[in-house]
Every structure is written in structure tokens, then in C-alpha cells.
């Protein structure tokens, strides 16, 4: 048995810790979008594979027997490539995912289908907006230059964002309700824009927005390719050892795992 984890999430790190603890041979792969990714207790590679063909070739060269897609819920292309490459290589695949956030009583969510739709939703008078979408798609919001954007990123972008009015905060989750309440109040935030990433590490901004009665423009997840999905490390381990995961699988198993460092 030799496992390849397509990682970058808290869940991927928790799985890596579990496999290392059990001495199960595995490799960990980062896409390379963060210059200083979290160190893993497994042999690690950084960078793309070169599409489906490159990933399929890597699976064969490394004699991978099981593929775990634990990428971010918005890494749509990588997830589709993983399904196709695994099928072409005859390798079983499982996705370790987070349950999406759902609105709570008192939430003022404005669901949108894409980043482009979120940009359109910001048409109107100037506001102070927390833009919590990562750094890859910040340029799209230059189409709404009237706003002042608060950008919270893990790392500074390589070039200044093309947003005439913005303030950059560098921070890494997990975030707290008190911390996010203080952040939103300090910057006079009037609206929040974020992706429905799910998980516990970045949910504080939603709790804070609810407390402050702020509208949240929520970018919904892209449609995942057909695949077997589970929401806990224990379910992946069961699949690896028995070929299936328990139907009662839930996110609570991951959240109670002390090996999991919650993050974005």
C-alpha cells in the first residue's frame, strides 16, 4: 500500500499525521500556491502535475495504490483531474471533504454561484468590505473599485492587488469570534464576501457577521465530480483497510481528533 494525499487543507494535515503515526507509506502533495506551506510528517512534493496525464504518470511512477483528494472545496479542476487520473490508472480514490456551512438563525446571507457573481453583487454605493476569498481571484473585484476592501490573507500577494482602496492583514487560522468581532469593528466592515469553505477554522467571521447584523455574500461551492466522499480521517482509514467507510461518518470525528490543527 502506498497513498498519495492531494492536500492543502486542515483535513489533509490530520490525515497525514494519522498515516505517519500508523507508519503507512504515503506521499503528501501541495499545489504550491503558498510559499511556506505547513510542514508534514510525510515525504512532500510541491507543484502541479501537468494535468490528468501528468498525474496519471506520477501515480504509475510512484506505484501509488490509493489516492485521497483532500484539496480545498474550491479546487475544482484538481478534483476533476484526480477522478479522471485515478480511473485511467485503475487506482481507487476517495475524497476527504468538509461539510459546507449552512445559514443559522439571524444570518443575512446572499448566496451567489461564483466569484464573478459576487463581484456583480457588490454593485452600488461604496462600502467597507471584508474580502475573505484568498489571493488568487482578488483582481476580479477591481470591477467594483468604489469599495474599501479589507483583505485577510495567509501570505502577501506577489504584486499589490489592483484595488485602489484596500488594507491587507496577514494572518492564519484558526480564527476566534472575539478576534473577528474586533477586526470587523476596527475596520468598520459593512459587508463580508467569502467562499463556502466549511470547517471550523474560518467560521468565526460568519459568527461575527451574525452578531453585527452584516450581510454575507456567500460564494457557493462548485459542483464536485461523482466520487466517494467522507468527512473524517477515521472514515478514510476504514476505507484504506477495509475498502469502505462507515455510513455514519461525520465531521465530528475529525473535529475531535487532537492531531487536527484547524485552519482555513
Protein backbone atom coordinates (compact mmCIF):
# COMPACT_ATOMS: atom_id res chain seq x y z
CA UNK A 1 0.00 0.00 0.00
CA UNK A 2 1.19 3.49 -0.87
CA UNK A 3 -1.07 6.52 -0.63
CA UNK A 4 -0.95 9.90 -2.31
CA UNK A 5 -2.69 12.73 -0.45
CA UNK A 6 -3.65 15.73 -2.54
CA UNK A 7 -3.51 18.23 0.29
CA UNK A 8 -3.53 21.81 1.42
CA UNK A 9 -6.37 21.65 3.94
CA UNK A 10 -6.60 21.03 7.67
CA UNK A 11 -8.19 17.68 6.92
CA UNK A 12 -5.26 16.68 4.72
CA UNK A 13 -2.82 17.51 7.50
CA UNK A 14 -4.82 15.48 10.01
CA UNK A 15 -4.79 12.50 7.65
CA UNK A 16 -1.04 12.87 7.10
CA UNK A 17 -0.48 12.82 10.86
CA UNK A 18 -2.62 9.70 11.23
CA UNK A 19 -0.83 7.84 8.42
CA UNK A 20 2.59 8.78 9.79
CA UNK A 21 1.58 7.61 13.26
CA UNK A 22 0.46 4.29 11.82
CA UNK A 23 3.60 4.00 9.64
CA UNK A 24 1.51 3.66 6.48
CA UNK A 25 3.57 4.59 3.38
CA UNK A 26 2.26 7.83 1.89
CA UNK A 27 3.22 10.96 -0.02
CA UNK A 28 1.79 14.44 0.50
CA UNK A 29 1.29 16.87 -2.38
CA UNK A 30 0.83 20.64 -2.20
CA UNK A 31 -0.35 22.64 -5.19
CA UNK A 32 2.31 25.26 -4.47
CA UNK A 33 0.08 28.31 -4.03
CA UNK A 34 1.54 29.11 -0.60
CA UNK A 35 5.23 29.88 -0.39
CA UNK A 36 5.63 28.47 3.12
CA UNK A 37 3.20 25.56 3.46
CA UNK A 38 2.75 23.75 6.74
CA UNK A 39 5.42 21.03 7.20
CA UNK A 40 4.06 17.50 7.03
CA UNK A 41 5.25 14.28 8.71
CA UNK A 42 5.34 12.60 5.29
CA UNK A 43 7.53 12.93 2.19
CA UNK A 44 6.19 16.04 0.47
CA UNK A 45 6.12 17.36 -3.08
CA UNK A 46 5.11 20.86 -4.14
CA UNK A 47 3.71 21.95 -7.50
CA UNK A 48 1.30 20.86 -10.20
CA UNK A 49 1.35 17.55 -12.03
CA UNK A 50 0.69 18.79 -15.55
CA UNK A 51 -2.95 17.87 -15.88
CA UNK A 52 -4.55 14.45 -15.97
CA UNK A 53 -1.75 12.84 -17.96
CA UNK A 54 0.92 14.12 -15.59
CA UNK A 55 -0.96 12.96 -12.51
CA UNK A 56 -1.63 9.54 -14.04
CA UNK A 57 2.06 9.20 -14.88
CA UNK A 58 3.03 10.17 -11.33
CA UNK A 59 0.66 7.59 -9.87
CA UNK A 60 2.28 4.91 -12.01
CA UNK A 61 5.88 6.02 -11.43
CA UNK A 62 5.42 6.18 -7.65
CA UNK A 63 3.41 2.93 -7.54
CA UNK A 64 0.57 4.64 -5.76
CA UNK A 65 -2.19 2.23 -4.70
CA UNK A 66 -4.72 4.67 -3.21
CA UNK A 67 -5.46 8.33 -3.97
CA UNK A 68 -7.01 10.69 -1.41
CA UNK A 69 -8.30 14.04 -2.63
CA UNK A 70 -8.17 16.32 0.41
CA UNK A 71 -7.88 19.55 -1.54
CA UNK A 72 -9.83 22.74 -0.86
CA UNK A 73 -13.56 22.55 -1.74
CA UNK A 74 -12.93 25.17 -4.46
CA UNK A 75 -10.05 23.29 -6.11
CA UNK A 76 -12.50 22.14 -8.77
CA UNK A 77 -10.03 21.41 -11.59
CA UNK A 78 -7.68 19.41 -9.37
CA UNK A 79 -10.56 17.29 -8.09
CA UNK A 80 -11.76 16.56 -11.62
CA UNK A 81 -8.23 15.68 -12.71
CA UNK A 82 -7.88 13.35 -9.74
CA UNK A 83 -11.05 11.44 -10.59
CA UNK A 84 -10.02 11.02 -14.23
CA UNK A 85 -6.39 10.11 -13.49
CA UNK A 86 -7.40 7.56 -10.86
CA UNK A 87 -9.85 5.98 -13.29
CA UNK A 88 -7.27 5.82 -16.06
CA UNK A 89 -4.72 4.29 -13.66
CA UNK A 90 -7.11 1.81 -12.08
CA UNK A 91 -6.46 3.27 -8.63
CA UNK A 92 -9.23 3.70 -6.03
CA UNK A 93 -9.95 7.29 -5.00
CA UNK A 94 -11.70 8.81 -2.00
CA UNK A 95 -12.37 12.48 -1.22
CA UNK A 96 -11.88 13.78 2.31
CA UNK A 97 -14.11 16.85 2.38
CA UNK A 98 -15.63 19.34 4.79
CA UNK A 99 -19.35 19.72 5.18
CA UNK A 100 -20.38 23.13 3.84
CA UNK A 101 -21.55 25.89 6.14
CA UNK A 102 -25.30 26.36 6.36
CA UNK A 103 -27.16 29.53 7.39
CA UNK A 104 -28.07 29.88 11.07
CA UNK A 105 -30.90 31.84 12.63
CA UNK A 106 -30.06 35.51 12.30
CA UNK A 107 -27.75 35.12 9.31
CA UNK A 108 -28.11 37.51 6.38
CA UNK A 109 -26.58 35.51 3.55
CA UNK A 110 -26.70 36.44 -0.11
CA UNK A 111 -25.78 33.20 -1.93
CA UNK A 112 -24.01 33.56 -5.28
CA UNK A 113 -22.78 30.92 -7.70
CA UNK A 114 -19.30 32.25 -8.50
CA UNK A 115 -16.68 34.90 -7.85
CA UNK A 116 -17.99 36.78 -10.89
CA UNK A 117 -21.48 36.76 -9.37
CA UNK A 118 -20.04 38.04 -6.08
CA UNK A 119 -18.44 40.95 -7.94
CA UNK A 120 -21.78 41.79 -9.53
CA UNK A 121 -23.49 41.61 -6.13
CA UNK A 122 -21.28 44.46 -4.91
CA UNK A 123 -22.69 46.98 -7.38
CA UNK A 124 -23.85 50.06 -5.52
CA UNK A 125 -22.61 52.76 -3.14
CA UNK A 126 -19.16 52.49 -1.52
CA UNK A 127 -18.89 50.17 1.46
CA UNK A 128 -16.18 48.73 3.67
CA UNK A 129 -15.95 45.05 2.77
CA UNK A 130 -14.09 42.10 4.26
CA UNK A 131 -12.93 40.16 1.21
CA UNK A 132 -12.02 36.71 2.55
CA UNK A 133 -11.53 34.68 -0.63
CA UNK A 134 -7.78 34.06 -0.73
CA UNK A 135 -5.40 35.87 -3.04
CA UNK A 136 -5.92 34.11 -6.37
CA UNK A 137 -9.03 36.00 -7.51
CA UNK A 138 -8.66 39.41 -5.90
CA UNK A 139 -8.21 41.12 -9.27
CA UNK A 140 -11.82 40.34 -10.23
CA UNK A 141 -13.02 42.84 -7.62
CA UNK A 142 -11.25 45.70 -9.39
CA UNK A 143 -14.51 45.89 -11.35
CA UNK A 144 -16.07 47.39 -8.20
CA UNK A 145 -13.37 49.96 -7.28
CA UNK A 146 -15.69 52.16 -5.21
CA UNK A 147 -15.37 49.95 -2.12
CA UNK A 148 -12.70 49.81 0.55
CA UNK A 149 -11.59 46.18 0.84
CA UNK A 150 -10.10 44.55 3.91
CA UNK A 151 -8.01 41.60 2.69
CA UNK A 152 -7.08 38.86 5.13
CA UNK A 153 -4.50 36.54 3.59
CA UNK A 154 -2.11 33.84 4.76
CA UNK A 155 0.69 35.37 2.68
CA UNK A 156 1.13 38.68 0.89
CA UNK A 157 0.35 38.59 -2.84
CA UNK A 158 3.31 38.71 -5.21
CA UNK A 159 2.07 42.00 -6.64
CA UNK A 160 -0.11 44.66 -4.99
CA UNK A 161 -3.81 43.89 -5.57
CA UNK A 162 -5.35 46.13 -8.26
CA UNK A 163 -7.82 47.52 -5.75
CA UNK A 164 -7.46 51.29 -5.30
CA UNK A 165 -8.76 51.18 -1.71
CA UNK A 166 -7.65 48.24 0.38
CA UNK A 167 -5.96 47.25 3.61
CA UNK A 168 -4.02 44.00 3.94
CA UNK A 169 -3.93 41.83 7.07
CA UNK A 170 -1.68 38.76 7.13
CA UNK A 171 -2.98 36.06 9.44
CA UNK A 172 -3.50 32.31 9.53
CA UNK A 173 -6.39 30.49 11.19
CA UNK A 174 -7.88 29.17 13.30
CA UNK A 175 -9.70 32.43 13.98
CA UNK A 176 -11.83 33.26 17.03
CA UNK A 177 -15.15 35.02 17.43
CA UNK A 178 -13.64 37.69 19.69
CA UNK A 179 -10.81 38.27 17.24
CA UNK A 180 -13.08 38.57 14.23
CA UNK A 181 -15.55 40.81 16.06
CA UNK A 182 -12.64 43.12 16.92
CA UNK A 183 -11.38 43.02 13.32
CA UNK A 184 -14.75 43.86 11.78
CA UNK A 185 -15.41 46.64 14.27
CA UNK A 186 -11.94 48.16 13.97
CA UNK A 187 -12.26 48.44 10.19
CA UNK A 188 -15.93 49.43 10.16
CA UNK A 189 -16.85 46.48 7.94
CA UNK A 190 -20.33 46.67 6.40
CA UNK A 191 -20.36 43.50 4.30
CA UNK A 192 -18.46 40.21 4.13
CA UNK A 193 -17.58 38.29 0.97
CA UNK A 194 -16.34 34.72 1.37
CA UNK A 195 -16.36 31.24 -0.12
CA UNK A 196 -18.32 28.41 1.48
CA UNK A 197 -15.20 26.54 2.54
CA UNK A 198 -16.82 24.82 5.53
CA UNK A 199 -14.94 23.61 8.58
CA UNK A 200 -14.31 25.24 11.93
CA UNK A 201 -11.11 27.20 11.39
CA UNK A 202 -12.62 30.14 9.49
CA UNK A 203 -16.25 30.10 10.61
CA UNK A 204 -15.67 32.87 13.18
CA UNK A 205 -16.20 35.57 10.56
CA UNK A 206 -19.72 34.26 9.96
CA UNK A 207 -20.48 34.22 13.67
CA UNK A 208 -19.14 37.76 13.93
CA UNK A 209 -21.19 38.92 10.93
CA UNK A 210 -24.30 37.47 12.55
CA UNK A 211 -23.58 39.32 15.80
CA UNK A 212 -23.11 42.59 13.91
CA UNK A 213 -26.09 42.02 11.59
CA UNK A 214 -23.92 42.18 8.46
CA UNK A 215 -24.77 40.81 5.03
CA UNK A 216 -22.54 37.95 3.85
CA UNK A 217 -22.11 37.40 0.13
CA UNK A 218 -21.55 33.65 0.19
CA UNK A 219 -19.91 32.08 -2.86
CA UNK A 220 -21.29 28.56 -3.13
CA UNK A 221 -19.10 25.59 -3.91
CA UNK A 222 -18.61 24.33 -7.45
CA UNK A 223 -20.26 21.01 -8.26
CA UNK A 224 -17.94 18.14 -7.35
CA UNK A 225 -17.32 15.30 -9.80
CA UNK A 226 -19.01 11.98 -8.94
CA UNK A 227 -16.82 10.27 -6.34
CA UNK A 228 -16.89 8.64 -2.92
CA UNK A 229 -16.75 11.35 -0.24
CA UNK A 230 -16.22 11.12 3.51
CA UNK A 231 -15.80 13.76 6.20
CA UNK A 232 -13.39 12.25 8.74
CA UNK A 233 -9.91 10.80 8.99
CA UNK A 234 -11.32 7.66 10.61
CA UNK A 235 -13.52 7.08 7.56
CA UNK A 236 -10.50 7.29 5.25
CA UNK A 237 -8.58 4.84 7.43
CA UNK A 238 -11.53 2.45 7.35
CA UNK A 239 -11.65 2.71 3.57
CA UNK A 240 -7.92 2.03 3.29
CA UNK A 241 -8.07 -1.06 5.48
CA UNK A 242 -11.47 -2.47 4.57
CA UNK A 243 -12.34 -0.97 1.22
CA UNK A 244 -15.28 1.02 2.56
CA UNK A 245 -16.09 3.77 5.02
CA UNK A 246 -18.73 3.67 7.77
CA UNK A 247 -22.04 5.16 6.69
CA UNK A 248 -22.27 7.02 9.98
CA UNK A 249 -19.19 9.05 9.07
CA UNK A 250 -19.40 12.64 10.28
CA UNK A 251 -17.22 15.69 10.60
CA UNK A 252 -17.24 15.33 14.38
CA UNK A 253 -14.66 12.55 14.19
CA UNK A 254 -12.16 14.93 12.62
CA UNK A 255 -13.01 17.83 14.91
CA UNK A 256 -12.39 15.68 17.98
CA UNK A 257 -9.04 14.43 16.68
CA UNK A 258 -6.26 16.20 18.62
CA UNK A 259 -3.94 15.74 15.64
CA UNK A 260 -6.01 18.15 13.56
CA UNK A 261 -4.78 21.72 13.59
CA UNK A 262 -7.75 23.71 12.41
CA UNK A 263 -7.11 26.36 9.83
CA UNK A 264 -8.56 27.87 6.71
